[in-house]
């Protein structure tokens, strides 16, 4: 079973598509994440992250609802 978690991009470094990295906040915990798979991602976007890679961009409302559910657990 795999678990992907939503997070908010707080900063992006390197604009080279395969080297793009972002600092992503998961409820205050900030981790470095590869943005290679989400070339259109920008600061303040929410992304789904698994194993250190952002896999897709999420709608803000959907991400916040999911984060709220996770906090309730």
PDB file of N, CA and C in Angstrom:
ATOM      1  N   UNK A   1       0.842  -1.175   0.000  1.00  0.00           N
ATOM      2  CA  UNK A   1       0.000   0.000   0.000  1.00  0.00           C
ATOM      3  C   UNK A   1       0.891   1.244   0.000  1.00  0.00           C
ATOM      4  N   UNK A   2       0.540   2.217  -0.793  1.00  0.00           N
ATOM      5  CA  UNK A   2       1.302   3.462  -0.899  1.00  0.00           C
ATOM      6  C   UNK A   2       0.478   4.607  -0.326  1.00  0.00           C
ATOM      7  N   UNK A   3       1.168   5.581   0.205  1.00  0.00           N
ATOM      8  CA  UNK A   3       0.505   6.750   0.749  1.00  0.00           C
ATOM      9  C   UNK A   3       1.105   8.000   0.125  1.00  0.00           C
ATOM     10  N   UNK A   4       0.277   8.772  -0.540  1.00  0.00           N
ATOM     11  CA  UNK A   4       0.698  10.057  -1.099  1.00  0.00           C
ATOM     12  C   UNK A   4       0.031  11.143  -0.267  1.00  0.00           C
ATOM     13  N   UNK A   5       0.770  12.199   0.017  1.00  0.00           N
ATOM     14  CA  UNK A   5       0.307  13.230   0.930  1.00  0.00           C
ATOM     15  C   UNK A   5       0.291  14.588   0.231  1.00  0.00           C
ATOM     16  N   UNK A   6      -0.760  15.394   0.446  1.00  0.00           N
ATOM     17  CA  UNK A   6      -0.771  16.736  -0.136  1.00  0.00           C
ATOM     18  C   UNK A   6       0.112  17.692   0.656  1.00  0.00           C
ATOM     19  N   UNK A   7       0.765  18.599  -0.059  1.00  0.00           N
ATOM     20  CA  UNK A   7       1.588  19.622   0.569  1.00  0.00           C
ATOM     21  C   UNK A   7       1.556  20.887  -0.262  1.00  0.00           C
ATOM     22  N   UNK A   8       1.948  21.999   0.355  1.00  0.00           N
ATOM     23  CA  UNK A   8       1.930  23.304  -0.309  1.00  0.00           C
ATOM     24  C   UNK A   8       3.356  23.729  -0.629  1.00  0.00           C
ATOM     25  N   UNK A   9       3.594  24.105  -1.878  1.00  0.00           N
ATOM     26  CA  UNK A   9       4.918  24.555  -2.299  1.00  0.00           C
ATOM     27  C   UNK A   9       5.184  25.941  -1.722  1.00  0.00           C
ATOM     28  N   UNK A  10       6.296  26.068  -0.983  1.00  0.00           N
ATOM     29  CA  UNK A  10       6.651  27.367  -0.401  1.00  0.00           C
ATOM     30  C   UNK A  10       7.794  28.040  -1.145  1.00  0.00           C
ATOM     31  N   UNK A  11       8.610  27.267  -1.863  1.00  0.00           N
ATOM     32  CA  UNK A  11       9.653  27.863  -2.696  1.00  0.00           C
ATOM     33  C   UNK A  11      10.102  26.847  -3.743  1.00  0.00           C
ATOM     34  N   UNK A  12      10.680  27.373  -4.824  1.00  0.00           N
ATOM     35  CA  UNK A  12      11.154  26.529  -5.930  1.00  0.00           C
ATOM     36  C   UNK A  12      12.569  26.954  -6.282  1.00  0.00           C
ATOM     37  N   UNK A  13      13.424  25.954  -6.505  1.00  0.00           N
ATOM     38  CA  UNK A  13      14.789  26.252  -6.946  1.00  0.00           C
ATOM     39  C   UNK A  13      15.071  25.517  -8.243  1.00  0.00           C
ATOM     40  N   UNK A  14      15.886  26.116  -9.077  1.00  0.00           N
ATOM     41  CA  UNK A  14      16.318  25.567 -10.370  1.00  0.00           C
ATOM     42  C   UNK A  14      15.149  25.414 -11.346  1.00  0.00           C
ATOM     43  N   UNK A  15      15.224  26.100 -12.438  1.00  0.00           N
ATOM     44  CA  UNK A  15      14.170  26.029 -13.448  1.00  0.00           C
ATOM     45  C   UNK A  15      14.411  24.975 -14.512  1.00  0.00           C
ATOM     46  N   UNK A  16      15.533  24.259 -14.435  1.00  0.00           N
ATOM     47  CA  UNK A  16      15.797  23.149 -15.354  1.00  0.00           C
ATOM     48  C   UNK A  16      14.738  22.076 -15.079  1.00  0.00           C
ATOM     49  N   UNK A  17      13.909  21.721 -16.070  1.00  0.00           N
ATOM     50  CA  UNK A  17      12.766  20.829 -15.833  1.00  0.00           C
ATOM     51  C   UNK A  17      13.061  19.554 -15.035  1.00  0.00           C
ATOM     52  N   UNK A  18      14.142  18.869 -15.314  1.00  0.00           N
ATOM     53  CA  UNK A  18      14.416  17.611 -14.619  1.00  0.00           C
ATOM     54  C   UNK A  18      15.098  17.809 -13.267  1.00  0.00           C
ATOM     55  N   UNK A  19      15.527  19.035 -12.981  1.00  0.00           N
ATOM     56  CA  UNK A  19      16.239  19.310 -11.729  1.00  0.00           C
ATOM     57  C   UNK A  19      15.431  20.166 -10.754  1.00  0.00           C
ATOM     58  N   UNK A  20      14.213  20.563 -11.147  1.00  0.00           N
ATOM     59  CA  UNK A  20      13.406  21.443 -10.292  1.00  0.00           C
ATOM     60  C   UNK A  20      13.141  20.799  -8.945  1.00  0.00           C
ATOM     61  N   UNK A  21      13.435  21.535  -7.898  1.00  0.00           N
ATOM     62  CA  UNK A  21      13.165  21.090  -6.542  1.00  0.00           C
ATOM     63  C   UNK A  21      12.328  22.152  -5.856  1.00  0.00           C
ATOM     64  N   UNK A  22      11.516  21.716  -4.926  1.00  0.00           N
ATOM     65  CA  UNK A  22      10.719  22.671  -4.174  1.00  0.00           C
ATOM     66  C   UNK A  22      10.745  22.353  -2.703  1.00  0.00           C
ATOM     67  N   UNK A  23      10.573  23.375  -1.912  1.00  0.00           N
ATOM     68  CA  UNK A  23      10.369  23.187  -0.479  1.00  0.00           C
ATOM     69  C   UNK A  23       8.864  23.133  -0.303  1.00  0.00           C
ATOM     70  N   UNK A  24       8.386  22.012   0.238  1.00  0.00           N
ATOM     71  CA  UNK A  24       6.952  21.775   0.360  1.00  0.00           C
ATOM     72  C   UNK A  24       6.591  21.625   1.835  1.00  0.00           C
ATOM     73  N   UNK A  25       5.547  22.334   2.238  1.00  0.00           N
ATOM     74  CA  UNK A  25       5.091  22.306   3.625  1.00  0.00           C
ATOM     75  C   UNK A  25       3.965  21.291   3.775  1.00  0.00           C
ATOM     76  N   UNK A  26       4.145  20.405   4.744  1.00  0.00           N
ATOM     77  CA  UNK A  26       3.127  19.420   5.103  1.00  0.00           C
ATOM     78  C   UNK A  26       2.650  19.774   6.513  1.00  0.00           C
ATOM     79  N   UNK A  27       1.761  20.754   6.591  1.00  0.00           N
ATOM     80  CA  UNK A  27       1.260  21.183   7.889  1.00  0.00           C
ATOM     81  C   UNK A  27       2.340  21.767   8.780  1.00  0.00           C
ATOM     82  N   UNK A  28       3.325  22.438   8.200  1.00  0.00           N
ATOM     83  CA  UNK A  28       4.391  23.062   8.962  1.00  0.00           C
ATOM     84  C   UNK A  28       5.725  22.331   8.865  1.00  0.00           C
ATOM     85  N   UNK A  29       5.708  21.059   8.562  1.00  0.00           N
ATOM     86  CA  UNK A  29       6.935  20.293   8.340  1.00  0.00           C
ATOM     87  C   UNK A  29       7.349  20.506   6.889  1.00  0.00           C
ATOM     88  N   UNK A  30       8.552  21.040   6.667  1.00  0.00           N
ATOM     89  CA  UNK A  30       8.986  21.372   5.307  1.00  0.00           C
ATOM     90  C   UNK A  30      10.026  20.365   4.824  1.00  0.00           C
ATOM     91  N   UNK A  31       9.803  19.833   3.620  1.00  0.00           N
ATOM     92  CA  UNK A  31      10.698  18.852   3.004  1.00  0.00           C
ATOM     93  C   UNK A  31      11.057  19.286   1.594  1.00  0.00           C
ATOM     94  N   UNK A  32      12.255  18.875   1.134  1.00  0.00           N
ATOM     95  CA  UNK A  32      12.671  19.075  -0.251  1.00  0.00           C
ATOM     96  C   UNK A  32      11.994  17.997  -1.101  1.00  0.00           C
ATOM     97  N   UNK A  33      11.396  18.406  -2.207  1.00  0.00           N
ATOM     98  CA  UNK A  33      10.645  17.502  -3.076  1.00  0.00           C
ATOM     99  C   UNK A  33      11.019  17.772  -4.524  1.00  0.00           C
ATOM    100  N   UNK A  34      11.151  16.732  -5.310  1.00  0.00           N
ATOM    101  CA  UNK A  34      11.387  16.895  -6.745  1.00  0.00           C
ATOM    102  C   UNK A  34      10.094  17.342  -7.422  1.00  0.00           C
ATOM    103  N   UNK A  35      10.214  18.363  -8.266  1.00  0.00           N
ATOM    104  CA  UNK A  35       9.064  18.868  -9.034  1.00  0.00           C
ATOM    105  C   UNK A  35       9.180  18.498 -10.511  1.00  0.00           C
ATOM    106  N   UNK A  36      10.025  17.529 -10.828  1.00  0.00           N
ATOM    107  CA  UNK A  36      10.279  17.140 -12.217  1.00  0.00           C
ATOM    108  C   UNK A  36       9.009  16.675 -12.941  1.00  0.00           C
ATOM    109  N   UNK A  37       8.079  16.064 -12.218  1.00  0.00           N
ATOM    110  CA  UNK A  37       6.866  15.531 -12.853  1.00  0.00           C
ATOM    111  C   UNK A  37       5.737  16.544 -12.965  1.00  0.00           C
ATOM    112  N   UNK A  38       5.898  17.707 -12.326  1.00  0.00           N
ATOM    113  CA  UNK A  38       4.847  18.737 -12.347  1.00  0.00           C
ATOM    114  C   UNK A  38       5.448  20.059 -12.827  1.00  0.00           C
ATOM    115  N   UNK A  39       5.754  20.109 -14.096  1.00  0.00           N
ATOM    116  CA  UNK A  39       6.464  21.260 -14.660  1.00  0.00           C
ATOM    117  C   UNK A  39       5.711  22.578 -14.493  1.00  0.00           C
ATOM    118  N   UNK A  40       4.399  22.531 -14.389  1.00  0.00           N
ATOM    119  CA  UNK A  40       3.614  23.752 -14.248  1.00  0.00           C
ATOM    120  C   UNK A  40       3.412  24.209 -12.820  1.00  0.00           C
ATOM    121  N   UNK A  41       3.938  23.483 -11.854  1.00  0.00           N
ATOM    122  CA  UNK A  41       3.735  23.830 -10.449  1.00  0.00           C
ATOM    123  C   UNK A  41       4.428  25.138 -10.101  1.00  0.00           C
ATOM    124  N   UNK A  42       3.759  25.930  -9.264  1.00  0.00           N
ATOM    125  CA  UNK A  42       4.282  27.222  -8.837  1.00  0.00           C
ATOM    126  C   UNK A  42       4.170  27.344  -7.322  1.00  0.00           C
ATOM    127  N   UNK A  43       4.857  28.342  -6.771  1.00  0.00           N
ATOM    128  CA  UNK A  43       4.762  28.617  -5.338  1.00  0.00           C
ATOM    129  C   UNK A  43       3.296  28.831  -4.977  1.00  0.00           C
ATOM    130  N   UNK A  44       2.873  28.283  -3.847  1.00  0.00           N
ATOM    131  CA  UNK A  44       1.512  28.318  -3.296  1.00  0.00           C
ATOM    132  C   UNK A  44       0.582  27.277  -3.910  1.00  0.00           C
ATOM    133  N   UNK A  45       1.039  26.502  -4.886  1.00  0.00           N
ATOM    134  CA  UNK A  45       0.243  25.385  -5.396  1.00  0.00           C
ATOM    135  C   UNK A  45       0.317  24.227  -4.407  1.00  0.00           C
ATOM    136  N   UNK A  46      -0.732  23.429  -4.389  1.00  0.00           N
ATOM    137  CA  UNK A  46      -0.730  22.200  -3.611  1.00  0.00           C
ATOM    138  C   UNK A  46      -0.402  21.048  -4.548  1.00  0.00           C
ATOM    139  N   UNK A  47       0.420  20.131  -4.069  1.00  0.00           N
ATOM    140  CA  UNK A  47       0.814  18.962  -4.863  1.00  0.00           C
ATOM    141  C   UNK A  47       0.667  17.701  -4.029  1.00  0.00           C
ATOM    142  N   UNK A  48       0.437  16.588  -4.710  1.00  0.00           N
ATOM    143  CA  UNK A  48       0.444  15.270  -4.069  1.00  0.00           C
ATOM    144  C   UNK A  48       1.869  14.750  -4.138  1.00  0.00           C
ATOM    145  N   UNK A  49       2.428  14.326  -2.999  1.00  0.00           N
ATOM    146  CA  UNK A  49       3.819  13.888  -2.936  1.00  0.00           C
ATOM    147  C   UNK A  49       3.901  12.442  -2.462  1.00  0.00           C
ATOM    148  N   UNK A  50       4.711  11.666  -3.168  1.00  0.00           N
ATOM    149  CA  UNK A  50       4.994  10.281  -2.775  1.00  0.00           C
ATOM    150  C   UNK A  50       6.478  10.012  -2.998  1.00  0.00           C
ATOM    151  N   UNK A  51       7.146   9.497  -1.978  1.00  0.00           N
ATOM    152  CA  UNK A  51       8.558   9.103  -2.055  1.00  0.00           C
ATOM    153  C   UNK A  51       9.455  10.232  -2.566  1.00  0.00           C
ATOM    154  N   UNK A  52       9.149  11.467  -2.147  1.00  0.00           N
ATOM    155  CA  UNK A  52      10.003  12.591  -2.500  1.00  0.00           C
ATOM    156  C   UNK A  52       9.739  13.226  -3.848  1.00  0.00           C
ATOM    157  N   UNK A  53       8.694  12.777  -4.544  1.00  0.00           N
ATOM    158  CA  UNK A  53       8.340  13.328  -5.854  1.00  0.00           C
ATOM    159  C   UNK A  53       6.919  13.865  -5.831  1.00  0.00           C
ATOM    160  N   UNK A  54       6.734  15.095  -6.323  1.00  0.00           N
ATOM    161  CA  UNK A  54       5.394  15.636  -6.517  1.00  0.00           C
ATOM    162  C   UNK A  54       4.822  14.979  -7.768  1.00  0.00           C
ATOM    163  N   UNK A  55       3.660  14.359  -7.622  1.00  0.00           N
ATOM    164  CA  UNK A  55       3.079  13.597  -8.731  1.00  0.00           C
ATOM    165  C   UNK A  55       2.020  14.355  -9.507  1.00  0.00           C
ATOM    166  N   UNK A  56       1.302  15.255  -8.843  1.00  0.00           N
ATOM    167  CA  UNK A  56       0.279  16.035  -9.537  1.00  0.00           C
ATOM    168  C   UNK A  56      -0.058  17.278  -8.722  1.00  0.00           C
ATOM    169  N   UNK A  57      -0.640  18.247  -9.405  1.00  0.00           N
ATOM    170  CA  UNK A  57      -1.083  19.480  -8.769  1.00  0.00           C
ATOM    171  C   UNK A  57      -2.531  19.286  -8.347  1.00  0.00           C
ATOM    172  N   UNK A  58      -2.851  19.729  -7.129  1.00  0.00           N
ATOM    173  CA  UNK A  58      -4.203  19.592  -6.600  1.00  0.00           C
ATOM    174  C   UNK A  58      -4.933  20.925  -6.581  1.00  0.00           C
ATOM    175  N   UNK A  59      -6.233  20.845  -6.683  1.00  0.00           N
ATOM    176  CA  UNK A  59      -7.099  21.994  -6.468  1.00  0.00           C
ATOM    177  C   UNK A  59      -6.967  22.408  -4.995  1.00  0.00           C
ATOM    178  N   UNK A  60      -6.890  23.702  -4.731  1.00  0.00           N
ATOM    179  CA  UNK A  60      -6.694  24.218  -3.372  1.00  0.00           C
ATOM    180  C   UNK A  60      -7.749  23.689  -2.398  1.00  0.00           C
ATOM    181  N   UNK A  61      -9.028  23.733  -2.773  1.00  0.00           N
ATOM    182  CA  UNK A  61     -10.101  23.280  -1.884  1.00  0.00           C
ATOM    183  C   UNK A  61      -9.985  21.786  -1.587  1.00  0.00           C
ATOM    184  N   UNK A  62      -9.686  21.007  -2.612  1.00  0.00           N
ATOM    185  CA  UNK A  62      -9.524  19.567  -2.442  1.00  0.00           C
ATOM    186  C   UNK A  62      -8.357  19.258  -1.499  1.00  0.00           C
ATOM    187  N   UNK A  63      -7.257  19.950  -1.678  1.00  0.00           N
ATOM    188  CA  UNK A  63      -6.077  19.737  -0.833  1.00  0.00           C
ATOM    189  C   UNK A  63      -6.376  20.100   0.615  1.00  0.00           C
ATOM    190  N   UNK A  64      -7.007  21.238   0.846  1.00  0.00           N
ATOM    191  CA  UNK A  64      -7.303  21.661   2.204  1.00  0.00           C
ATOM    192  C   UNK A  64      -8.286  20.721   2.881  1.00  0.00           C
ATOM    193  N   UNK A  65      -9.246  20.196   2.128  1.00  0.00           N
ATOM    194  CA  UNK A  65     -10.194  19.229   2.684  1.00  0.00           C
ATOM    195  C   UNK A  65      -9.463  17.936   3.082  1.00  0.00           C
ATOM    196  N   UNK A  66      -8.576  17.466   2.235  1.00  0.00           N
ATOM    197  CA  UNK A  66      -7.798  16.256   2.537  1.00  0.00           C
ATOM    198  C   UNK A  66      -6.913  16.474   3.756  1.00  0.00           C
ATOM    199  N   UNK A  67      -6.243  17.630   3.841  1.00  0.00           N
ATOM    200  CA  UNK A  67      -5.407  17.930   5.003  1.00  0.00           C
ATOM    201  C   UNK A  67      -6.244  17.997   6.284  1.00  0.00           C
ATOM    202  N   UNK A  68      -7.443  18.519   6.181  1.00  0.00           N
ATOM    203  CA  UNK A  68      -8.338  18.566   7.337  1.00  0.00           C
ATOM    204  C   UNK A  68      -8.701  17.148   7.783  1.00  0.00           C
ATOM    205  N   UNK A  69      -8.990  16.266   6.849  1.00  0.00           N
ATOM    206  CA  UNK A  69      -9.293  14.869   7.188  1.00  0.00           C
ATOM    207  C   UNK A  69      -8.104  14.209   7.882  1.00  0.00           C
ATOM    208  N   UNK A  70      -6.895  14.462   7.376  1.00  0.00           N
ATOM    209  CA  UNK A  70      -5.694  13.870   7.970  1.00  0.00           C
ATOM    210  C   UNK A  70      -5.471  14.384   9.391  1.00  0.00           C
ATOM    211  N   UNK A  71      -5.742  15.668   9.629  1.00  0.00           N
ATOM    212  CA  UNK A  71      -5.600  16.227  10.987  1.00  0.00           C
ATOM    213  C   UNK A  71      -6.591  15.565  11.958  1.00  0.00           C
ATOM    214  N   UNK A  72      -7.780  15.237  11.460  1.00  0.00           N
ATOM    215  CA  UNK A  72      -8.791  14.615  12.302  1.00  0.00           C
ATOM    216  C   UNK A  72      -8.414  13.202  12.722  1.00  0.00           C
ATOM    217  N   UNK A  73      -7.597  12.541  11.890  1.00  0.00           N
ATOM    218  CA  UNK A  73      -7.161  11.182  12.234  1.00  0.00           C
ATOM    219  C   UNK A  73      -6.215  11.237  13.402  1.00  0.00           C
TER     220      UNK A  73
END
